[in-house]
Amino acid sequence: MAGHVLTVAQQKGGSGKTTLAIHLAVRFAETGKSVAILDTDPQGSLGRWFMARRERTDGAPGLEFGTASAWGVSYECEKLSREHDLVIIDTPPKIDADLRPALREADLVLIPVATSQMDLWATESVQELARREGRPCLVVMNRVPPRARLTGTIIADIEAAGMERAGSVLGNRVAYAEALGRGQAAGELKRTGPAAQEVAALADEIAALLD
């Protein structure tokens, strides 16, 4: 039986796609799942993180890394999903026909949204493209500042637009960026820290949707 596929997509750059993909991959691997991460973004940030991880850990237990062009996603994803419980696809920050293969493979499309109206506006085109491919979407609030009035406004706008939103959010924490530079995830820096708890809660929520 093939594993599940998560595609992380967002039109706007800087929304935290790679951060989200990495942290979910590490968390799911920690729970005992075999996970593959597939980088389709020419910037290659996911690959650089993985190489840093390999140097630090002398390998990356529970994680496999692959790359693919936009139109090579289907082949790579089919191969990886036969061998892993979960495949997470990181995509470039653009919306065009090149994104469709990654959406088509997804059991669930994750759309990170930072706390800004510009991020929210960019979400609409991702939702529309996923809808055409018949794939469900889940908006994930990312880099959420504490006690910001705008956060409530963005959440209200998401709900008013009829978008599905994860109840769990990722905060605006230095730990996420600090960990990535070391080839780690934030939860590996501090197992009981707030970032670790946020990612675990989000992963549990996603796992429930997939199951």
N, C-alpha and C. Protein backbone atom coordinates (compact mmCIF):
# COMPACT_ATOMS: atom_id res chain seq x y z
N MET A 1 0.84 -1.19 0.00
CA MET A 1 0.00 0.00 0.00
C MET A 1 0.88 1.25 0.00
N ALA A 2 0.58 2.19 -0.87
CA ALA A 2 1.39 3.41 -0.99
C ALA A 2 1.20 4.31 0.22
N GLY A 3 2.27 5.04 0.56
CA GLY A 3 2.18 5.98 1.66
C GLY A 3 1.43 7.24 1.28
N HIS A 4 1.13 8.04 2.27
CA HIS A 4 0.43 9.30 2.04
C HIS A 4 1.39 10.35 1.48
N VAL A 5 0.82 11.34 0.79
CA VAL A 5 1.62 12.42 0.21
C VAL A 5 1.07 13.76 0.68
N LEU A 6 1.95 14.60 1.22
CA LEU A 6 1.63 15.97 1.58
C LEU A 6 2.38 16.90 0.63
N THR A 7 1.68 17.84 0.02
CA THR A 7 2.32 18.84 -0.82
C THR A 7 2.21 20.19 -0.13
N VAL A 8 3.35 20.86 0.06
CA VAL A 8 3.37 22.17 0.70
C VAL A 8 3.51 23.21 -0.41
N ALA A 9 2.51 24.08 -0.54
CA ALA A 9 2.48 25.03 -1.67
C ALA A 9 1.99 26.39 -1.21
N GLN A 10 2.57 27.42 -1.81
CA GLN A 10 2.13 28.79 -1.57
C GLN A 10 2.73 29.68 -2.65
N GLN A 11 1.94 30.56 -3.21
CA GLN A 11 2.41 31.43 -4.27
C GLN A 11 3.44 32.44 -3.78
N LYS A 12 3.25 32.96 -2.58
CA LYS A 12 4.10 34.02 -2.06
C LYS A 12 5.38 33.45 -1.46
N GLY A 13 6.52 34.01 -1.84
CA GLY A 13 7.78 33.61 -1.24
C GLY A 13 7.87 34.06 0.21
N GLY A 14 8.67 33.36 1.00
CA GLY A 14 8.86 33.75 2.39
C GLY A 14 7.74 33.34 3.31
N SER A 15 6.87 32.47 2.85
CA SER A 15 5.73 32.05 3.68
C SER A 15 6.09 30.96 4.67
N GLY A 16 7.26 30.33 4.47
CA GLY A 16 7.69 29.28 5.39
C GLY A 16 7.40 27.87 4.90
N LYS A 17 7.33 27.67 3.59
CA LYS A 17 7.04 26.34 3.05
C LYS A 17 8.10 25.32 3.48
N THR A 18 9.36 25.66 3.26
CA THR A 18 10.42 24.71 3.56
C THR A 18 10.51 24.45 5.06
N THR A 19 10.34 25.49 5.86
CA THR A 19 10.35 25.32 7.31
C THR A 19 9.25 24.36 7.75
N LEU A 20 8.08 24.52 7.18
CA LEU A 20 6.96 23.64 7.51
C LEU A 20 7.24 22.21 7.07
N ALA A 21 7.74 22.04 5.84
CA ALA A 21 8.02 20.70 5.33
C ALA A 21 9.04 19.97 6.19
N ILE A 22 10.11 20.67 6.55
CA ILE A 22 11.17 20.06 7.35
C ILE A 22 10.67 19.65 8.73
N HIS A 23 9.99 20.56 9.39
CA HIS A 23 9.57 20.26 10.76
C HIS A 23 8.55 19.14 10.83
N LEU A 24 7.66 19.09 9.86
CA LEU A 24 6.71 17.98 9.84
C LEU A 24 7.43 16.66 9.52
N ALA A 25 8.38 16.70 8.60
CA ALA A 25 9.11 15.48 8.24
C ALA A 25 9.84 14.91 9.45
N VAL A 26 10.54 15.78 10.18
CA VAL A 26 11.28 15.31 11.35
C VAL A 26 10.33 14.79 12.42
N ARG A 27 9.24 15.49 12.64
CA ARG A 27 8.29 15.06 13.67
C ARG A 27 7.68 13.71 13.32
N PHE A 28 7.25 13.53 12.09
CA PHE A 28 6.67 12.24 11.70
C PHE A 28 7.70 11.12 11.79
N ALA A 29 8.96 11.42 11.44
CA ALA A 29 10.02 10.42 11.58
C ALA A 29 10.22 10.05 13.04
N GLU A 30 10.11 11.03 13.93
CA GLU A 30 10.27 10.77 15.37
C GLU A 30 9.16 9.85 15.90
N THR A 31 8.00 9.88 15.26
CA THR A 31 6.90 9.03 15.71
C THR A 31 6.98 7.62 15.12
N GLY A 32 8.04 7.35 14.36
CA GLY A 32 8.25 6.00 13.85
C GLY A 32 7.88 5.79 12.40
N LYS A 33 7.44 6.83 11.72
CA LYS A 33 7.10 6.71 10.30
C LYS A 33 8.36 6.86 9.45
N SER A 34 8.38 6.13 8.34
CA SER A 34 9.45 6.35 7.36
C SER A 34 9.00 7.48 6.45
N VAL A 35 9.85 8.49 6.30
CA VAL A 35 9.47 9.72 5.62
C VAL A 35 10.46 10.06 4.52
N ALA A 36 9.93 10.47 3.37
CA ALA A 36 10.75 11.00 2.28
C ALA A 36 10.36 12.44 2.04
N ILE A 37 11.36 13.30 1.83
CA ILE A 37 11.09 14.69 1.49
C ILE A 37 11.58 14.92 0.06
N LEU A 38 10.72 15.51 -0.74
CA LEU A 38 10.99 15.69 -2.16
C LEU A 38 11.04 17.18 -2.48
N ASP A 39 12.20 17.64 -2.93
CA ASP A 39 12.41 19.07 -3.19
C ASP A 39 12.22 19.35 -4.68
N THR A 40 11.23 20.19 -5.01
CA THR A 40 11.02 20.60 -6.39
C THR A 40 11.32 22.08 -6.59
N ASP A 41 11.85 22.73 -5.55
CA ASP A 41 12.17 24.15 -5.61
C ASP A 41 13.61 24.33 -6.09
N PRO A 42 13.83 25.01 -7.22
CA PRO A 42 15.20 25.19 -7.74
C PRO A 42 16.15 25.88 -6.75
N GLN A 43 15.61 26.61 -5.78
CA GLN A 43 16.48 27.26 -4.79
C GLN A 43 17.28 26.23 -3.98
N GLY A 44 16.72 25.04 -3.79
CA GLY A 44 17.45 23.96 -3.15
C GLY A 44 17.67 24.10 -1.66
N SER A 45 16.87 24.91 -0.98
CA SER A 45 17.07 25.10 0.47
C SER A 45 16.87 23.81 1.24
N LEU A 46 15.91 23.02 0.83
CA LEU A 46 15.65 21.76 1.51
C LEU A 46 16.84 20.82 1.40
N GLY A 47 17.45 20.79 0.21
CA GLY A 47 18.62 19.93 0.01
C GLY A 47 19.80 20.37 0.85
N ARG A 48 20.01 21.68 0.97
CA ARG A 48 21.13 22.18 1.78
C ARG A 48 20.92 21.81 3.25
N TRP A 49 19.66 21.90 3.71
CA TRP A 49 19.38 21.51 5.08
C TRP A 49 19.67 20.02 5.28
N PHE A 50 19.27 19.21 4.32
CA PHE A 50 19.46 17.77 4.45
C PHE A 50 20.94 17.40 4.47
N MET A 51 21.74 18.07 3.65
CA MET A 51 23.18 17.80 3.65
C MET A 51 23.80 18.20 4.99
N ALA A 52 23.36 19.32 5.55
CA ALA A 52 23.84 19.73 6.87
C ALA A 52 23.45 18.70 7.92
N ARG A 53 22.28 18.13 7.75
CA ARG A 53 21.81 17.12 8.70
C ARG A 53 22.65 15.85 8.60
N ARG A 54 22.94 15.44 7.38
CA ARG A 54 23.76 14.23 7.19
C ARG A 54 25.13 14.40 7.84
N GLU A 55 25.73 15.59 7.69
CA GLU A 55 27.04 15.84 8.28
C GLU A 55 26.98 15.79 9.80
N ARG A 56 25.87 16.30 10.34
CA ARG A 56 25.73 16.34 11.80
C ARG A 56 25.44 14.97 12.39
N THR A 57 24.63 14.18 11.71
CA THR A 57 24.14 12.92 12.30
C THR A 57 24.80 11.68 11.71
N ASP A 58 25.72 11.88 10.73
CA ASP A 58 26.30 10.74 10.01
C ASP A 58 25.20 9.91 9.37
N GLY A 59 24.30 10.61 8.72
CA GLY A 59 23.12 9.98 8.13
C GLY A 59 21.89 10.62 8.73
N ALA A 60 20.75 10.33 8.14
CA ALA A 60 19.51 10.92 8.64
C ALA A 60 18.48 9.82 8.85
N PRO A 61 18.53 9.15 10.00
CA PRO A 61 17.63 8.03 10.25
C PRO A 61 16.17 8.41 10.07
N GLY A 62 15.44 7.57 9.35
CA GLY A 62 14.01 7.79 9.18
C GLY A 62 13.66 8.76 8.09
N LEU A 63 14.65 9.40 7.47
CA LEU A 63 14.39 10.38 6.43
C LEU A 63 15.15 10.03 5.16
N GLU A 64 14.46 10.18 4.02
CA GLU A 64 15.13 10.08 2.73
C GLU A 64 14.87 11.37 1.96
N PHE A 65 15.86 11.80 1.20
CA PHE A 65 15.75 13.04 0.45
C PHE A 65 15.81 12.76 -1.04
N GLY A 66 14.96 13.47 -1.81
CA GLY A 66 14.99 13.36 -3.26
C GLY A 66 14.70 14.70 -3.90
N THR A 67 15.07 14.84 -5.16
CA THR A 67 14.76 16.05 -5.92
C THR A 67 14.04 15.66 -7.20
N ALA A 68 13.31 16.61 -7.75
CA ALA A 68 12.61 16.37 -9.00
C ALA A 68 12.29 17.69 -9.67
N SER A 69 12.27 17.69 -10.98
CA SER A 69 11.74 18.83 -11.70
C SER A 69 10.23 18.82 -11.53
N ALA A 70 9.59 19.92 -11.91
CA ALA A 70 8.13 19.99 -11.75
C ALA A 70 7.44 18.82 -12.42
N TRP A 71 7.88 18.46 -13.60
CA TRP A 71 7.20 17.40 -14.35
C TRP A 71 7.75 16.02 -14.05
N GLY A 72 8.78 15.95 -13.18
CA GLY A 72 9.27 14.65 -12.75
C GLY A 72 8.72 14.23 -11.40
N VAL A 73 7.85 15.06 -10.84
CA VAL A 73 7.31 14.80 -9.51
C VAL A 73 6.54 13.48 -9.46
N SER A 74 5.71 13.24 -10.44
CA SER A 74 4.85 12.06 -10.41
C SER A 74 5.66 10.78 -10.33
N TYR A 75 6.71 10.68 -11.15
CA TYR A 75 7.56 9.49 -11.15
C TYR A 75 8.25 9.31 -9.80
N GLU A 76 8.89 10.38 -9.32
CA GLU A 76 9.62 10.29 -8.06
C GLU A 76 8.69 10.01 -6.89
N CYS A 77 7.53 10.66 -6.90
CA CYS A 77 6.58 10.49 -5.81
C CYS A 77 6.03 9.06 -5.77
N GLU A 78 5.74 8.51 -6.93
CA GLU A 78 5.24 7.13 -6.98
C GLU A 78 6.28 6.16 -6.43
N LYS A 79 7.54 6.39 -6.79
CA LYS A 79 8.62 5.52 -6.30
C LYS A 79 8.79 5.64 -4.79
N LEU A 80 8.82 6.87 -4.30
CA LEU A 80 9.05 7.09 -2.87
C LEU A 80 7.87 6.62 -2.02
N SER A 81 6.66 6.81 -2.52
CA SER A 81 5.48 6.43 -1.73
C SER A 81 5.34 4.91 -1.61
N ARG A 82 5.96 4.17 -2.50
CA ARG A 82 5.93 2.70 -2.37
C ARG A 82 6.82 2.24 -1.22
N GLU A 83 7.80 3.06 -0.87
CA GLU A 83 8.81 2.66 0.11
C GLU A 83 8.69 3.38 1.45
N HIS A 84 7.80 4.38 1.54
CA HIS A 84 7.71 5.20 2.74
C HIS A 84 6.26 5.39 3.17
N ASP A 85 6.10 5.62 4.47
CA ASP A 85 4.76 5.90 5.00
C ASP A 85 4.26 7.27 4.57
N LEU A 86 5.20 8.20 4.37
CA LEU A 86 4.81 9.58 4.07
C LEU A 86 5.84 10.22 3.14
N VAL A 87 5.33 10.93 2.13
CA VAL A 87 6.17 11.74 1.26
C VAL A 87 5.72 13.19 1.39
N ILE A 88 6.67 14.08 1.65
CA ILE A 88 6.37 15.51 1.77
C ILE A 88 7.06 16.25 0.63
N ILE A 89 6.27 16.95 -0.19
CA ILE A 89 6.80 17.66 -1.35
C ILE A 89 6.88 19.15 -1.05
N ASP A 90 8.08 19.72 -1.23
CA ASP A 90 8.27 21.16 -1.09
C ASP A 90 8.30 21.76 -2.50
N THR A 91 7.51 22.80 -2.73
CA THR A 91 7.35 23.35 -4.07
C THR A 91 7.89 24.77 -4.18
N PRO A 92 8.14 25.26 -5.39
CA PRO A 92 8.61 26.65 -5.57
C PRO A 92 7.50 27.65 -5.27
N PRO A 93 7.88 28.90 -4.95
CA PRO A 93 6.87 29.93 -4.67
C PRO A 93 6.31 30.52 -5.96
N LYS A 94 5.49 29.76 -6.64
CA LYS A 94 4.82 30.26 -7.84
C LYS A 94 3.60 29.39 -8.11
N ILE A 95 2.68 29.94 -8.86
CA ILE A 95 1.47 29.21 -9.21
C ILE A 95 1.35 29.22 -10.73
N ASP A 96 1.58 28.08 -11.33
CA ASP A 96 1.37 27.93 -12.77
C ASP A 96 1.21 26.45 -13.06
N ALA A 97 1.22 26.11 -14.32
CA ALA A 97 1.00 24.72 -14.70
C ALA A 97 2.04 23.78 -14.11
N ASP A 98 3.25 24.29 -13.80
CA ASP A 98 4.30 23.44 -13.25
C ASP A 98 3.96 22.90 -11.87
N LEU A 99 3.07 23.58 -11.17
CA LEU A 99 2.71 23.13 -9.82
C LEU A 99 1.71 21.98 -9.85
N ARG A 100 0.99 21.83 -10.91
CA ARG A 100 -0.10 20.86 -10.96
C ARG A 100 0.33 19.41 -10.66
N PRO A 101 1.46 18.94 -11.20
CA PRO A 101 1.84 17.56 -10.87
C PRO A 101 2.01 17.32 -9.37
N ALA A 102 2.59 18.29 -8.65
CA ALA A 102 2.77 18.14 -7.20
C ALA A 102 1.43 18.17 -6.47
N LEU A 103 0.49 18.96 -6.95
CA LEU A 103 -0.84 18.99 -6.35
C LEU A 103 -1.58 17.70 -6.64
N ARG A 104 -1.42 17.20 -7.84
CA ARG A 104 -2.14 16.00 -8.28
C ARG A 104 -1.76 14.79 -7.44
N GLU A 105 -0.52 14.75 -6.96
CA GLU A 105 -0.04 13.61 -6.17
C GLU A 105 -0.50 13.67 -4.72
N ALA A 106 -0.98 14.82 -4.27
CA ALA A 106 -1.20 15.05 -2.84
C ALA A 106 -2.48 14.40 -2.32
N ASP A 107 -2.36 13.81 -1.13
CA ASP A 107 -3.56 13.45 -0.37
C ASP A 107 -4.07 14.67 0.38
N LEU A 108 -3.16 15.60 0.67
CA LEU A 108 -3.52 16.84 1.35
C LEU A 108 -2.52 17.92 0.95
N VAL A 109 -3.04 19.11 0.60
CA VAL A 109 -2.18 20.25 0.27
C VAL A 109 -2.12 21.18 1.47
N LEU A 110 -0.92 21.44 1.95
CA LEU A 110 -0.73 22.36 3.07
C LEU A 110 -0.31 23.72 2.53
N ILE A 111 -1.00 24.77 2.98
CA ILE A 111 -0.71 26.13 2.51
C ILE A 111 -0.33 26.99 3.71
N PRO A 112 0.97 27.25 3.89
CA PRO A 112 1.38 28.11 5.00
C PRO A 112 1.00 29.56 4.73
N VAL A 113 0.50 30.23 5.75
CA VAL A 113 0.09 31.63 5.64
C VAL A 113 0.68 32.40 6.82
N ALA A 114 1.61 33.31 6.53
CA ALA A 114 2.11 34.20 7.58
C ALA A 114 1.02 35.21 7.91
N THR A 115 1.21 35.90 9.01
CA THR A 115 0.16 36.82 9.48
C THR A 115 0.21 38.11 8.68
N SER A 116 -0.29 38.07 7.45
CA SER A 116 -0.37 39.25 6.62
C SER A 116 -1.46 39.06 5.58
N GLN A 117 -2.08 40.14 5.19
CA GLN A 117 -3.11 40.06 4.17
C GLN A 117 -2.52 39.62 2.83
N MET A 118 -1.27 39.99 2.54
CA MET A 118 -0.66 39.61 1.28
C MET A 118 -0.52 38.10 1.17
N ASP A 119 -0.13 37.45 2.26
CA ASP A 119 -0.04 35.99 2.27
C ASP A 119 -1.41 35.37 2.04
N LEU A 120 -2.41 35.95 2.67
CA LEU A 120 -3.76 35.41 2.54
C LEU A 120 -4.26 35.55 1.11
N TRP A 121 -4.01 36.70 0.50
CA TRP A 121 -4.44 36.90 -0.89
C TRP A 121 -3.77 35.88 -1.81
N ALA A 122 -2.50 35.59 -1.56
CA ALA A 122 -1.77 34.64 -2.40
C ALA A 122 -2.32 33.23 -2.27
N THR A 123 -3.00 32.95 -1.16
CA THR A 123 -3.54 31.62 -0.92
C THR A 123 -4.66 31.27 -1.89
N GLU A 124 -5.40 32.27 -2.33
CA GLU A 124 -6.59 32.01 -3.14
C GLU A 124 -6.27 31.25 -4.42
N SER A 125 -5.16 31.61 -5.08
CA SER A 125 -4.83 30.94 -6.33
C SER A 125 -4.39 29.50 -6.11
N VAL A 126 -3.72 29.23 -4.97
CA VAL A 126 -3.34 27.86 -4.65
C VAL A 126 -4.59 27.02 -4.43
N GLN A 127 -5.51 27.57 -3.67
CA GLN A 127 -6.78 26.87 -3.40
C GLN A 127 -7.51 26.55 -4.70
N GLU A 128 -7.55 27.50 -5.61
CA GLU A 128 -8.26 27.31 -6.87
C GLU A 128 -7.61 26.21 -7.71
N LEU A 129 -6.30 26.22 -7.79
CA LEU A 129 -5.60 25.21 -8.57
C LEU A 129 -5.78 23.83 -7.95
N ALA A 130 -5.72 23.75 -6.62
CA ALA A 130 -5.93 22.47 -5.95
C ALA A 130 -7.36 21.98 -6.16
N ARG A 131 -8.31 22.90 -6.14
CA ARG A 131 -9.71 22.53 -6.37
C ARG A 131 -9.90 21.91 -7.75
N ARG A 132 -9.23 22.48 -8.74
CA ARG A 132 -9.33 21.93 -10.10
C ARG A 132 -8.76 20.52 -10.18
N GLU A 133 -7.78 20.24 -9.32
CA GLU A 133 -7.19 18.90 -9.29
C GLU A 133 -7.93 17.97 -8.32
N GLY A 134 -8.96 18.51 -7.66
CA GLY A 134 -9.74 17.69 -6.74
C GLY A 134 -9.01 17.30 -5.48
N ARG A 135 -8.14 18.20 -5.00
CA ARG A 135 -7.33 17.89 -3.81
C ARG A 135 -7.72 18.79 -2.65
N PRO A 136 -7.85 18.21 -1.45
CA PRO A 136 -8.20 19.02 -0.27
C PRO A 136 -7.02 19.86 0.20
N CYS A 137 -7.33 21.01 0.78
CA CYS A 137 -6.30 21.93 1.27
C CYS A 137 -6.48 22.19 2.76
N LEU A 138 -5.39 22.51 3.40
CA LEU A 138 -5.41 22.92 4.80
C LEU A 138 -4.49 24.11 4.96
N VAL A 139 -5.05 25.24 5.38
CA VAL A 139 -4.24 26.44 5.64
C VAL A 139 -3.57 26.30 7.01
N VAL A 140 -2.27 26.58 7.05
CA VAL A 140 -1.52 26.51 8.31
C VAL A 140 -0.98 27.90 8.62
N MET A 141 -1.43 28.46 9.72
CA MET A 141 -0.93 29.77 10.16
C MET A 141 0.52 29.61 10.64
N ASN A 142 1.41 30.44 10.06
CA ASN A 142 2.83 30.33 10.33
C ASN A 142 3.39 31.68 10.77
N ARG A 143 4.45 31.63 11.58
CA ARG A 143 5.09 32.85 12.09
C ARG A 143 4.08 33.76 12.78
N VAL A 144 3.25 33.17 13.58
CA VAL A 144 2.19 33.91 14.26
C VAL A 144 2.78 34.65 15.46
N PRO A 145 2.71 35.98 15.49
CA PRO A 145 3.24 36.74 16.62
C PRO A 145 2.30 36.64 17.82
N PRO A 146 2.84 36.75 19.02
CA PRO A 146 1.98 36.69 20.20
C PRO A 146 1.12 37.95 20.34
N ARG A 147 -0.12 37.75 20.66
CA ARG A 147 -1.04 38.84 20.99
C ARG A 147 -1.15 39.90 19.89
N ALA A 148 -1.09 39.49 18.63
CA ALA A 148 -1.23 40.45 17.54
C ALA A 148 -2.70 40.52 17.11
N ARG A 149 -3.24 41.72 17.05
CA ARG A 149 -4.63 41.89 16.65
C ARG A 149 -4.86 41.40 15.22
N LEU A 150 -3.83 41.56 14.37
CA LEU A 150 -3.96 41.16 12.98
C LEU A 150 -4.20 39.66 12.84
N THR A 151 -3.66 38.87 13.78
CA THR A 151 -3.85 37.42 13.71
C THR A 151 -5.33 37.06 13.72
N GLY A 152 -6.07 37.69 14.61
CA GLY A 152 -7.51 37.44 14.68
C GLY A 152 -8.22 37.84 13.40
N THR A 153 -7.76 38.94 12.80
CA THR A 153 -8.36 39.40 11.54
C THR A 153 -8.10 38.40 10.42
N ILE A 154 -6.87 37.89 10.33
CA ILE A 154 -6.53 36.93 9.28
C ILE A 154 -7.32 35.64 9.46
N ILE A 155 -7.43 35.17 10.70
CA ILE A 155 -8.19 33.95 10.97
C ILE A 155 -9.65 34.14 10.57
N ALA A 156 -10.21 35.28 10.91
CA ALA A 156 -11.61 35.55 10.56
C ALA A 156 -11.79 35.58 9.05
N ASP A 157 -10.82 36.15 8.33
CA ASP A 157 -10.91 36.22 6.87
C ASP A 157 -10.79 34.83 6.24
N ILE A 158 -9.94 33.99 6.81
CA ILE A 158 -9.80 32.61 6.32
C ILE A 158 -11.13 31.86 6.46
N GLU A 159 -11.73 32.01 7.63
CA GLU A 159 -13.00 31.32 7.88
C GLU A 159 -14.12 31.89 7.01
N ALA A 160 -14.12 33.21 6.81
CA ALA A 160 -15.15 33.83 5.98
C ALA A 160 -15.04 33.37 4.53
N ALA A 161 -13.81 33.05 4.09
CA ALA A 161 -13.59 32.58 2.72
C ALA A 161 -13.91 31.10 2.56
N GLY A 162 -14.26 30.44 3.67
CA GLY A 162 -14.60 29.02 3.60
C GLY A 162 -13.41 28.10 3.47
N MET A 163 -12.21 28.58 3.83
CA MET A 163 -11.01 27.75 3.75
C MET A 163 -10.88 26.90 5.01
N GLU A 164 -10.41 25.68 4.84
CA GLU A 164 -10.12 24.83 5.99
C GLU A 164 -8.82 25.28 6.63
N ARG A 165 -8.82 25.45 7.94
CA ARG A 165 -7.65 25.95 8.65
C ARG A 165 -7.27 25.01 9.77
N ALA A 166 -5.97 24.74 9.90
CA ALA A 166 -5.50 23.92 11.02
C ALA A 166 -5.71 24.67 12.32
N GLY A 167 -6.17 23.96 13.34
CA GLY A 167 -6.32 24.57 14.65
C GLY A 167 -4.98 24.88 15.29
N SER A 168 -3.96 24.11 14.95
CA SER A 168 -2.62 24.33 15.47
C SER A 168 -1.91 25.38 14.63
N VAL A 169 -1.12 26.23 15.27
CA VAL A 169 -0.38 27.27 14.55
C VAL A 169 1.09 27.19 14.94
N LEU A 170 1.95 27.74 14.08
CA LEU A 170 3.38 27.83 14.38
C LEU A 170 3.70 29.28 14.71
N GLY A 171 4.34 29.50 15.84
CA GLY A 171 4.63 30.86 16.28
C GLY A 171 5.83 31.48 15.59
N ASN A 172 5.99 32.76 15.78
CA ASN A 172 7.13 33.50 15.22
C ASN A 172 8.31 33.34 16.18
N ARG A 173 9.06 32.25 16.01
CA ARG A 173 10.09 31.88 16.97
C ARG A 173 11.45 31.77 16.30
N VAL A 174 12.47 32.29 16.95
CA VAL A 174 13.84 32.21 16.45
C VAL A 174 14.29 30.75 16.36
N ALA A 175 13.74 29.89 17.20
CA ALA A 175 14.17 28.49 17.25
C ALA A 175 14.03 27.79 15.90
N TYR A 176 13.03 28.15 15.13
CA TYR A 176 12.84 27.49 13.84
C TYR A 176 14.02 27.78 12.90
N ALA A 177 14.36 29.04 12.74
CA ALA A 177 15.47 29.41 11.86
C ALA A 177 16.81 28.91 12.40
N GLU A 178 17.00 29.00 13.71
CA GLU A 178 18.25 28.57 14.33
C GLU A 178 18.48 27.09 14.08
N ALA A 179 17.43 26.30 14.21
CA ALA A 179 17.56 24.85 14.03
C ALA A 179 17.89 24.49 12.58
N LEU A 180 17.23 25.16 11.64
CA LEU A 180 17.44 24.83 10.23
C LEU A 180 18.89 25.04 9.82
N GLY A 181 19.53 26.07 10.33
CA GLY A 181 20.92 26.35 10.00
C GLY A 181 21.86 25.27 10.49
N ARG A 182 21.40 24.46 11.44
CA ARG A 182 22.23 23.38 11.99
C ARG A 182 21.87 22.02 11.42
N GLY A 183 20.95 22.01 10.47
CA GLY A 183 20.52 20.73 9.93
C GLY A 183 19.60 19.98 10.89
N GLN A 184 18.87 20.74 11.71
CA GLN A 184 17.98 20.15 12.70
C GLN A 184 16.57 20.73 12.56
N ALA A 185 15.68 20.24 13.40
CA ALA A 185 14.37 20.85 13.58
C ALA A 185 14.34 21.46 14.98
N ALA A 186 13.43 22.41 15.19
CA ALA A 186 13.41 23.14 16.45
C ALA A 186 13.21 22.21 17.65
N GLY A 187 12.43 21.17 17.47
CA GLY A 187 12.18 20.24 18.56
C GLY A 187 13.41 19.47 18.98
N GLU A 188 14.39 19.38 18.08
CA GLU A 188 15.63 18.68 18.42
C GLU A 188 16.56 19.58 19.24
N LEU A 189 16.36 20.89 19.14
CA LEU A 189 17.14 21.80 19.98
C LEU A 189 16.61 21.79 21.41
N LYS A 190 15.29 21.76 21.53
CA LYS A 190 14.67 21.76 22.85
C LYS A 190 13.41 20.91 22.78
N ARG A 191 13.51 19.70 23.29
CA ARG A 191 12.45 18.71 23.14
C ARG A 191 11.12 19.13 23.73
N THR A 192 11.17 19.91 24.79
CA THR A 192 9.92 20.30 25.46
C THR A 192 9.58 21.76 25.24
N GLY A 193 10.27 22.41 24.32
CA GLY A 193 10.03 23.82 24.08
C GLY A 193 8.72 24.08 23.35
N PRO A 194 8.30 25.34 23.27
CA PRO A 194 7.04 25.69 22.61
C PRO A 194 7.01 25.30 21.15
N ALA A 195 8.14 25.44 20.43
CA ALA A 195 8.17 25.08 19.02
C ALA A 195 7.92 23.58 18.84
N ALA A 196 8.54 22.77 19.68
CA ALA A 196 8.34 21.32 19.60
C ALA A 196 6.88 20.97 19.83
N GLN A 197 6.25 21.64 20.78
CA GLN A 197 4.85 21.38 21.09
C GLN A 197 3.93 21.80 19.94
N GLU A 198 4.25 22.93 19.31
CA GLU A 198 3.45 23.40 18.18
C GLU A 198 3.50 22.42 17.02
N VAL A 199 4.71 21.98 16.69
CA VAL A 199 4.87 21.07 15.56
C VAL A 199 4.20 19.72 15.85
N ALA A 200 4.35 19.24 17.06
CA ALA A 200 3.73 17.96 17.43
C ALA A 200 2.21 18.04 17.32
N ALA A 201 1.64 19.14 17.78
CA ALA A 201 0.19 19.30 17.71
C ALA A 201 -0.28 19.35 16.25
N LEU A 202 0.46 20.07 15.41
CA LEU A 202 0.09 20.16 14.00
C LEU A 202 0.23 18.81 13.31
N ALA A 203 1.30 18.09 13.60
CA ALA A 203 1.49 16.77 13.00
C ALA A 203 0.38 15.82 13.40
N ASP A 204 -0.03 15.87 14.65
CA ASP A 204 -1.13 15.01 15.12
C ASP A 204 -2.42 15.36 14.38
N GLU A 205 -2.65 16.63 14.17
CA GLU A 205 -3.86 17.08 13.48
C GLU A 205 -3.86 16.60 12.02
N ILE A 206 -2.71 16.71 11.38
CA ILE A 206 -2.59 16.26 9.99
C ILE A 206 -2.74 14.74 9.89
N ALA A 207 -2.11 14.03 10.82
CA ALA A 207 -2.21 12.56 10.81
C ALA A 207 -3.66 12.11 10.94
N ALA A 208 -4.42 12.80 11.77
CA ALA A 208 -5.83 12.45 11.94
C ALA A 208 -6.60 12.66 10.64
N LEU A 209 -6.27 13.73 9.92
CA LEU A 209 -6.94 13.99 8.64
C LEU A 209 -6.59 12.94 7.60
N LEU A 210 -5.32 12.53 7.57
CA LEU A 210 -4.88 11.53 6.59
C LEU A 210 -5.48 10.16 6.87
N ASP A 211 -5.66 9.86 8.14
CA ASP A 211 -6.20 8.54 8.52
C ASP A 211 -7.71 8.49 8.41
